Amino acid sequence: MQVSVKTFEELSTEELYQMLRLRSAVFVVEQDCVYQDVDNRDQKALHVIGKKGGEIVAYTRIFKPGDYFENVSIGRVVVSQDQRKYGLGKQIMQASLAAIEQKFTNKPIEISAQSYLLKFYTELGFNAFGEEYLEDGIPHMRMLKK
């Protein structure tokens, strides 16, 4: 998988379309969750894009402190359903962590993780805090990596 990190302005229209299509396929259709994915926050985010054969198969978005949470944050972590058995989730998260380290050296990173993925994020160095809550009808936990 080839990974790139881009601002909103650097995204091509094809990349933007593929990114939104992937997020919709997983978060809206697969997870059967009706919510507003296009939330006017993409314009502030750094977009971490994983491509195979020209197609986006993995993605995250990164926010500087204060744009989503008080801390630097990673969100919309997604891997296309047919690519999940290849470890791309871990790869895209490691690329996201590397991008954060380069841009926001030694800053804590906060995420809102779907609860069923706590083990995955714990293995990447995140620790859960607070109470479980529902976000768009799906159980989540806040997590922090220092």
C-alpha atoms as a PDB file:
ATOM      1  CA  MET A   1       0.000   0.000   0.000  1.00  0.00           C
ATOM      2  CA  GLN A   2       1.269   3.463  -0.901  1.00  0.00           C
ATOM      3  CA  VAL A   3       0.498   6.106   1.717  1.00  0.00           C
ATOM      4  CA  SER A   4       0.316   9.850   1.252  1.00  0.00           C
ATOM      5  CA  VAL A   5      -0.615  12.703   3.597  1.00  0.00           C
ATOM      6  CA  LYS A   6      -2.430  15.679   2.086  1.00  0.00           C
ATOM      7  CA  THR A   7      -4.272  18.806   3.094  1.00  0.00           C
ATOM      8  CA  PHE A   8      -7.818  19.223   1.801  1.00  0.00           C
ATOM      9  CA  GLU A   9      -6.577  21.599  -0.896  1.00  0.00           C
ATOM     10  CA  GLU A  10      -4.033  19.022  -2.100  1.00  0.00           C
ATOM     11  CA  LEU A  11      -6.645  16.303  -2.654  1.00  0.00           C
ATOM     12  CA  SER A  12      -7.598  15.646  -6.262  1.00  0.00           C
ATOM     13  CA  THR A  13     -11.304  15.473  -7.049  1.00  0.00           C
ATOM     14  CA  GLU A  14     -10.870  11.727  -7.701  1.00  0.00           C
ATOM     15  CA  GLU A  15      -9.204  11.236  -4.297  1.00  0.00           C
ATOM     16  CA  LEU A  16     -11.953  13.219  -2.569  1.00  0.00           C
ATOM     17  CA  TYR A  17     -14.616  11.142  -4.319  1.00  0.00           C
ATOM     18  CA  GLN A  18     -12.917   7.828  -3.430  1.00  0.00           C
ATOM     19  CA  MET A  19     -12.371   8.932   0.175  1.00  0.00           C
ATOM     20  CA  LEU A  20     -16.016   9.891   0.657  1.00  0.00           C
ATOM     21  CA  ARG A  21     -17.198   6.738  -1.146  1.00  0.00           C
ATOM     22  CA  LEU A  22     -15.073   4.511   1.133  1.00  0.00           C
ATOM     23  CA  ARG A  23     -16.248   6.261   4.290  1.00  0.00           C
ATOM     24  CA  SER A  24     -19.879   6.005   3.170  1.00  0.00           C
ATOM     25  CA  ALA A  25     -19.530   2.318   2.196  1.00  0.00           C
ATOM     26  CA  VAL A  26     -18.185   1.389   5.631  1.00  0.00           C
ATOM     27  CA  PHE A  27     -19.669   3.850   8.123  1.00  0.00           C
ATOM     28  CA  VAL A  28     -23.113   4.366   6.568  1.00  0.00           C
ATOM     29  CA  VAL A  29     -23.890   1.207   4.559  1.00  0.00           C
ATOM     30  CA  GLU A  30     -21.866  -1.601   6.206  1.00  0.00           C
ATOM     31  CA  GLN A  31     -22.391  -0.362   9.769  1.00  0.00           C
ATOM     32  CA  ASP A  32     -26.007   0.587   8.975  1.00  0.00           C
ATOM     33  CA  CYS A  33     -25.536   3.994  10.580  1.00  0.00           C
ATOM     34  CA  VAL A  34     -27.374   7.006   9.270  1.00  0.00           C
ATOM     35  CA  TYR A  35     -25.230  10.031  10.086  1.00  0.00           C
ATOM     36  CA  GLN A  36     -23.746  13.096   8.400  1.00  0.00           C
ATOM     37  CA  ASP A  37     -20.265  11.963   7.327  1.00  0.00           C
ATOM     38  CA  VAL A  38     -19.627  15.103   5.275  1.00  0.00           C
ATOM     39  CA  ASP A  39     -19.336  17.335   8.340  1.00  0.00           C
ATOM     40  CA  ASN A  40     -17.442  20.449   7.190  1.00  0.00           C
ATOM     41  CA  ARG A  41     -14.359  19.285   9.108  1.00  0.00           C
ATOM     42  CA  ASP A  42     -12.496  17.713   6.198  1.00  0.00           C
ATOM     43  CA  GLN A  43     -11.329  21.173   5.147  1.00  0.00           C
ATOM     44  CA  LYS A  44      -9.315  21.486   8.401  1.00  0.00           C
ATOM     45  CA  ALA A  45      -7.925  17.929   8.409  1.00  0.00           C
ATOM     46  CA  LEU A  46      -4.790  16.266   7.158  1.00  0.00           C
ATOM     47  CA  HIS A  47      -5.846  13.259   5.099  1.00  0.00           C
ATOM     48  CA  VAL A  48      -3.828  10.049   5.342  1.00  0.00           C
ATOM     49  CA  ILE A  49      -4.584   8.009   2.246  1.00  0.00           C
ATOM     50  CA  GLY A  50      -3.601   4.413   1.562  1.00  0.00           C
ATOM     51  CA  LYS A  51      -3.852   3.316  -2.070  1.00  0.00           C
ATOM     52  CA  LYS A  52      -3.505   0.004  -3.865  1.00  0.00           C
ATOM     53  CA  GLY A  53      -3.615   0.056  -7.637  1.00  0.00           C
ATOM     54  CA  GLY A  54      -4.785   3.657  -7.674  1.00  0.00           C
ATOM     55  CA  GLU A  55      -7.766   2.982  -5.392  1.00  0.00           C
ATOM     56  CA  ILE A  56      -8.085   4.285  -1.836  1.00  0.00           C
ATOM     57  CA  VAL A  57      -8.349   1.217   0.410  1.00  0.00           C
ATOM     58  CA  ALA A  58      -7.455   2.772   3.789  1.00  0.00           C
ATOM     59  CA  TYR A  59      -7.854   6.237   5.222  1.00  0.00           C
ATOM     60  CA  THR A  60      -7.719   8.434   8.339  1.00  0.00           C
ATOM     61  CA  ARG A  61      -7.981  12.117   9.013  1.00  0.00           C
ATOM     62  CA  ILE A  62      -5.884  14.074  11.513  1.00  0.00           C
ATOM     63  CA  PHE A  63      -6.804  17.272  13.349  1.00  0.00           C
ATOM     64  CA  LYS A  64      -4.514  19.709  15.110  1.00  0.00           C
ATOM     65  CA  PRO A  65      -5.243  20.459  18.786  1.00  0.00           C
ATOM     66  CA  GLY A  66      -8.520  22.313  19.200  1.00  0.00           C
ATOM     67  CA  ASP A  67     -10.010  21.460  15.793  1.00  0.00           C
ATOM     68  CA  TYR A  68     -11.821  18.340  17.048  1.00  0.00           C
ATOM     69  CA  PHE A  69     -10.604  17.513  20.546  1.00  0.00           C
ATOM     70  CA  GLU A  70      -8.362  19.516  22.867  1.00  0.00           C
ATOM     71  CA  ASN A  71      -5.497  17.251  21.737  1.00  0.00           C
ATOM     72  CA  VAL A  72      -4.284  16.198  18.301  1.00  0.00           C
ATOM     73  CA  SER A  73      -6.786  13.638  17.045  1.00  0.00           C
ATOM     74  CA  ILE A  74      -7.231  10.899  14.485  1.00  0.00           C
ATOM     75  CA  GLY A  75     -10.645  10.001  13.132  1.00  0.00           C
ATOM     76  CA  ARG A  76     -12.559   8.287  10.346  1.00  0.00           C
ATOM     77  CA  VAL A  77     -10.168   5.334  10.489  1.00  0.00           C
ATOM     78  CA  VAL A  78     -11.376   3.057   7.716  1.00  0.00           C
ATOM     79  CA  VAL A  79     -10.223   0.118   5.596  1.00  0.00           C
ATOM     80  CA  SER A  80     -12.280  -1.243   2.719  1.00  0.00           C
ATOM     81  CA  GLN A  81     -14.024  -4.474   3.632  1.00  0.00           C
ATOM     82  CA  ASP A  82     -12.196  -6.603   1.050  1.00  0.00           C
ATOM     83  CA  GLN A  83      -8.768  -5.403   2.273  1.00  0.00           C
ATOM     84  CA  ARG A  84      -9.087  -5.961   6.045  1.00  0.00           C
ATOM     85  CA  LYS A  85      -7.202  -9.244   6.169  1.00  0.00           C
ATOM     86  CA  TYR A  86      -3.907  -7.627   5.088  1.00  0.00           C
ATOM     87  CA  GLY A  87      -3.072  -5.504   8.160  1.00  0.00           C
ATOM     88  CA  LEU A  88      -3.851  -2.225   6.414  1.00  0.00           C
ATOM     89  CA  GLY A  89      -5.601  -0.804   9.487  1.00  0.00           C
ATOM     90  CA  LYS A  90      -2.373  -1.057  11.437  1.00  0.00           C
ATOM     91  CA  GLN A  91      -0.372   0.339   8.505  1.00  0.00           C
ATOM     92  CA  ILE A  92      -2.624   3.374   8.028  1.00  0.00           C
ATOM     93  CA  MET A  93      -2.609   4.066  11.768  1.00  0.00           C
ATOM     94  CA  GLN A  94       1.189   3.792  11.932  1.00  0.00           C
ATOM     95  CA  ALA A  95       1.428   6.217   8.997  1.00  0.00           C
ATOM     96  CA  SER A  96      -0.978   8.565  10.809  1.00  0.00           C
ATOM     97  CA  LEU A  97       1.082   8.395  14.009  1.00  0.00           C
ATOM     98  CA  ALA A  98       4.252   9.105  12.020  1.00  0.00           C
ATOM     99  CA  ALA A  99       2.609  12.123  10.345  1.00  0.00           C
ATOM    100  CA  ILE A 100       1.531  13.443  13.749  1.00  0.00           C
ATOM    101  CA  GLU A 101       5.024  12.979  15.189  1.00  0.00           C
ATOM    102  CA  GLN A 102       6.478  14.910  12.260  1.00  0.00           C
ATOM    103  CA  LYS A 103       3.957  17.761  12.430  1.00  0.00           C
ATOM    104  CA  PHE A 104       3.025  17.880  16.149  1.00  0.00           C
ATOM    105  CA  THR A 105       6.088  16.526  17.976  1.00  0.00           C
ATOM    106  CA  ASN A 106       5.432  15.040  21.446  1.00  0.00           C
ATOM    107  CA  LYS A 107       1.738  15.937  21.596  1.00  0.00           C
ATOM    108  CA  PRO A 108      -0.861  13.602  23.136  1.00  0.00           C
ATOM    109  CA  ILE A 109      -3.217  12.023  20.600  1.00  0.00           C
ATOM    110  CA  GLU A 110      -6.894  11.526  21.360  1.00  0.00           C
ATOM    111  CA  ILE A 111      -9.394   9.344  19.521  1.00  0.00           C
ATOM    112  CA  SER A 112     -13.029   8.335  19.785  1.00  0.00           C
ATOM    113  CA  ALA A 113     -12.763   4.586  19.201  1.00  0.00           C
ATOM    114  CA  GLN A 114     -15.530   2.155  18.441  1.00  0.00           C
ATOM    115  CA  SER A 115     -15.553  -0.051  21.536  1.00  0.00           C
ATOM    116  CA  TYR A 116     -15.093  -3.308  19.647  1.00  0.00           C
ATOM    117  CA  LEU A 117     -11.718  -1.959  18.428  1.00  0.00           C
ATOM    118  CA  LEU A 118     -10.237  -1.190  21.885  1.00  0.00           C
ATOM    119  CA  LYS A 119      -7.712  -4.054  21.630  1.00  0.00           C
ATOM    120  CA  PHE A 120      -6.547  -2.821  18.202  1.00  0.00           C
ATOM    121  CA  TYR A 121      -5.944   0.723  19.485  1.00  0.00           C
ATOM    122  CA  THR A 122      -4.423  -0.485  22.772  1.00  0.00           C
ATOM    123  CA  GLU A 123      -1.831  -2.400  20.728  1.00  0.00           C
ATOM    124  CA  LEU A 124      -0.948   0.931  19.069  1.00  0.00           C
ATOM    125  CA  GLY A 125      -0.305   2.536  22.477  1.00  0.00           C
ATOM    126  CA  PHE A 126      -3.687   4.129  23.214  1.00  0.00           C
ATOM    127  CA  ASN A 127      -5.355   3.878  26.643  1.00  0.00           C
ATOM    128  CA  ALA A 128      -9.104   4.150  27.223  1.00  0.00           C
ATOM    129  CA  PHE A 129     -10.454   6.724  29.645  1.00  0.00           C
ATOM    130  CA  GLY A 130     -13.901   7.783  30.808  1.00  0.00           C
ATOM    131  CA  GLU A 131     -17.173   5.974  30.304  1.00  0.00           C
ATOM    132  CA  GLU A 132     -18.403   4.201  27.194  1.00  0.00           C
ATOM    133  CA  TYR A 133     -20.856   6.354  25.195  1.00  0.00           C
ATOM    134  CA  LEU A 134     -22.969   6.103  22.074  1.00  0.00           C
ATOM    135  CA  GLU A 135     -21.881   8.026  19.010  1.00  0.00           C
ATOM    136  CA  ASP A 136     -24.317   7.706  16.118  1.00  0.00           C
ATOM    137  CA  GLY A 137     -25.801   4.652  17.867  1.00  0.00           C
ATOM    138  CA  ILE A 138     -22.448   2.813  18.118  1.00  0.00           C
ATOM    139  CA  PRO A 139     -20.630   2.241  21.466  1.00  0.00           C
ATOM    140  CA  HIS A 140     -17.400   4.274  21.666  1.00  0.00           C
ATOM    141  CA  MET A 141     -14.625   5.003  24.170  1.00  0.00           C
ATOM    142  CA  ARG A 142     -12.293   7.972  24.331  1.00  0.00           C
ATOM    143  CA  MET A 143      -8.652   6.912  24.134  1.00  0.00           C
ATOM    144  CA  LEU A 144      -5.368   8.767  24.603  1.00  0.00           C
ATOM    145  CA  LYS A 145      -1.808   8.096  23.520  1.00  0.00           C
ATOM    146  CA  LYS A 146       0.842  10.165  25.312  1.00  0.00           C
END
